[in-house]
Amino acid sequence: MKVTVKKKTPDAAIPVVIGTEFIKLESAMKLANIMPSGGSAKMVIQDSLVEVNGEICTMRGKKLYPGDRFTFEGQTYLITIHAAQ
């Protein structure tokens, strides 16, 4: 009997497009529509429920630049810059 094993690939990151040099973590969470307000984003960040680039982050004002990733509730988001048309 032949068994084929496929490696499970992680879900692709959801892009969060910014038009500035950086964005603060709490603002990125609001922009990605995963938090309704800065206050709720502040609470989940301070409760150590958010990872930035693979490490738990408790700084709501953490600056995220294009290429940075943050993860909340198992979903990863990728900061990208708006490409000129």
C-alpha atoms as a PDB file:
ATOM      1  CA  MET A   1       0.000   0.000   0.000  1.00  0.00           C
ATOM      2  CA  LYS A   2       1.441   3.360  -1.030  1.00  0.00           C
ATOM      3  CA  VAL A   3       0.783   6.350   1.224  1.00  0.00           C
ATOM      4  CA  THR A   4       1.303   9.895   0.057  1.00  0.00           C
ATOM      5  CA  VAL A   5       2.001  12.471   2.730  1.00  0.00           C
ATOM      6  CA  LYS A   6       1.461  16.126   1.988  1.00  0.00           C
ATOM      7  CA  LYS A   7       3.007  18.756   4.178  1.00  0.00           C
ATOM      8  CA  LYS A   8       0.368  21.146   5.400  1.00  0.00           C
ATOM      9  CA  THR A   9       1.235  24.643   4.281  1.00  0.00           C
ATOM     10  CA  PRO A  10       0.275  27.527   6.517  1.00  0.00           C
ATOM     11  CA  ASP A  11      -2.518  29.761   5.338  1.00  0.00           C
ATOM     12  CA  ALA A  12      -1.309  32.616   3.206  1.00  0.00           C
ATOM     13  CA  ALA A  13      -0.933  35.950   4.925  1.00  0.00           C
ATOM     14  CA  ILE A  14      -3.639  38.525   4.298  1.00  0.00           C
ATOM     15  CA  PRO A  15      -2.120  41.714   2.890  1.00  0.00           C
ATOM     16  CA  VAL A  16      -2.649  44.978   4.758  1.00  0.00           C
ATOM     17  CA  VAL A  17      -1.856  47.744   2.272  1.00  0.00           C
ATOM     18  CA  ILE A  18      -0.483  51.007   3.645  1.00  0.00           C
ATOM     19  CA  GLY A  19       0.371  54.218   1.835  1.00  0.00           C
ATOM     20  CA  THR A  20       2.892  55.459   4.392  1.00  0.00           C
ATOM     21  CA  GLU A  21       6.374  54.463   5.554  1.00  0.00           C
ATOM     22  CA  PHE A  22       5.013  52.561   8.570  1.00  0.00           C
ATOM     23  CA  ILE A  23       1.825  51.892  10.535  1.00  0.00           C
ATOM     24  CA  LYS A  24       1.328  51.333  14.258  1.00  0.00           C
ATOM     25  CA  LEU A  25       0.184  47.870  15.298  1.00  0.00           C
ATOM     26  CA  GLU A  26      -3.175  48.962  16.710  1.00  0.00           C
ATOM     27  CA  SER A  27      -3.886  50.973  13.544  1.00  0.00           C
ATOM     28  CA  ALA A  28      -2.931  47.994  11.381  1.00  0.00           C
ATOM     29  CA  MET A  29      -5.416  45.835  13.277  1.00  0.00           C
ATOM     30  CA  LYS A  30      -8.165  48.397  12.674  1.00  0.00           C
ATOM     31  CA  LEU A  31      -7.178  48.753   9.009  1.00  0.00           C
ATOM     32  CA  ALA A  32      -7.370  44.961   8.586  1.00  0.00           C
ATOM     33  CA  ASN A  33     -10.925  45.061  10.033  1.00  0.00           C
ATOM     34  CA  ILE A  34     -10.099  42.659  12.848  1.00  0.00           C
ATOM     35  CA  MET A  35     -10.683  45.248  15.587  1.00  0.00           C
ATOM     36  CA  PRO A  36     -13.519  47.765  15.673  1.00  0.00           C
ATOM     37  CA  SER A  37     -11.567  50.362  17.657  1.00  0.00           C
ATOM     38  CA  GLY A  38      -8.175  51.291  19.024  1.00  0.00           C
ATOM     39  CA  GLY A  39      -9.385  50.495  22.530  1.00  0.00           C
ATOM     40  CA  SER A  40     -10.220  46.903  21.697  1.00  0.00           C
ATOM     41  CA  ALA A  41      -6.933  46.534  19.801  1.00  0.00           C
ATOM     42  CA  LYS A  42      -5.087  47.909  22.834  1.00  0.00           C
ATOM     43  CA  MET A  43      -6.670  45.276  25.084  1.00  0.00           C
ATOM     44  CA  VAL A  44      -5.781  42.237  22.939  1.00  0.00           C
ATOM     45  CA  ILE A  45      -2.263  43.555  22.381  1.00  0.00           C
ATOM     46  CA  GLN A  46      -1.688  44.138  26.102  1.00  0.00           C
ATOM     47  CA  ASP A  47      -3.106  40.679  26.852  1.00  0.00           C
ATOM     48  CA  SER A  48      -0.247  39.190  24.752  1.00  0.00           C
ATOM     49  CA  LEU A  49      -2.617  37.838  22.085  1.00  0.00           C
ATOM     50  CA  VAL A  50      -0.759  39.340  19.108  1.00  0.00           C
ATOM     51  CA  GLU A  51       2.542  38.263  17.572  1.00  0.00           C
ATOM     52  CA  VAL A  52       4.725  40.504  15.413  1.00  0.00           C
ATOM     53  CA  ASN A  53       7.246  38.722  13.211  1.00  0.00           C
ATOM     54  CA  GLY A  54       6.848  35.541  15.268  1.00  0.00           C
ATOM     55  CA  GLU A  55       7.232  37.094  18.732  1.00  0.00           C
ATOM     56  CA  ILE A  56       4.545  38.163  21.201  1.00  0.00           C
ATOM     57  CA  CYS A  57       4.202  41.938  21.172  1.00  0.00           C
ATOM     58  CA  THR A  58       2.575  44.012  23.915  1.00  0.00           C
ATOM     59  CA  MET A  59       3.403  47.427  22.421  1.00  0.00           C
ATOM     60  CA  ARG A  60       0.313  48.841  20.736  1.00  0.00           C
ATOM     61  CA  GLY A  61       2.407  51.611  19.188  1.00  0.00           C
ATOM     62  CA  LYS A  62       4.854  49.132  17.638  1.00  0.00           C
ATOM     63  CA  LYS A  63       5.808  50.431  14.194  1.00  0.00           C
ATOM     64  CA  LEU A  64       5.223  47.954  11.391  1.00  0.00           C
ATOM     65  CA  TYR A  65       6.998  48.422   8.075  1.00  0.00           C
ATOM     66  CA  PRO A  66       6.332  46.756   4.702  1.00  0.00           C
ATOM     67  CA  GLY A  67       7.374  43.115   4.996  1.00  0.00           C
ATOM     68  CA  ASP A  68       6.456  42.861   8.695  1.00  0.00           C
ATOM     69  CA  ARG A  69       3.838  40.312   9.727  1.00  0.00           C
ATOM     70  CA  PHE A  70       1.471  40.169  12.653  1.00  0.00           C
ATOM     71  CA  THR A  71      -0.669  37.258  13.792  1.00  0.00           C
ATOM     72  CA  PHE A  72      -3.941  37.321  15.713  1.00  0.00           C
ATOM     73  CA  GLU A  73      -6.212  34.338  16.411  1.00  0.00           C
ATOM     74  CA  GLY A  74      -4.201  32.092  14.092  1.00  0.00           C
ATOM     75  CA  GLN A  75      -4.420  34.390  11.063  1.00  0.00           C
ATOM     76  CA  THR A  76      -1.336  36.161   9.731  1.00  0.00           C
ATOM     77  CA  TYR A  77      -1.386  39.601   8.138  1.00  0.00           C
ATOM     78  CA  LEU A  78       1.401  41.023   5.954  1.00  0.00           C
ATOM     79  CA  ILE A  79       2.131  44.747   5.811  1.00  0.00           C
ATOM     80  CA  THR A  80       2.579  45.819   2.182  1.00  0.00           C
ATOM     81  CA  ILE A  81       3.030  49.184   0.546  1.00  0.00           C
ATOM     82  CA  HIS A  82       0.681  50.565  -2.067  1.00  0.00           C
ATOM     83  CA  ALA A  83       2.291  50.066  -5.458  1.00  0.00           C
ATOM     84  CA  ALA A  84       2.261  53.050  -7.797  1.00  0.00           C
ATOM     85  CA  GLN A  85       0.063  52.506 -10.840  1.00  0.00           C
END
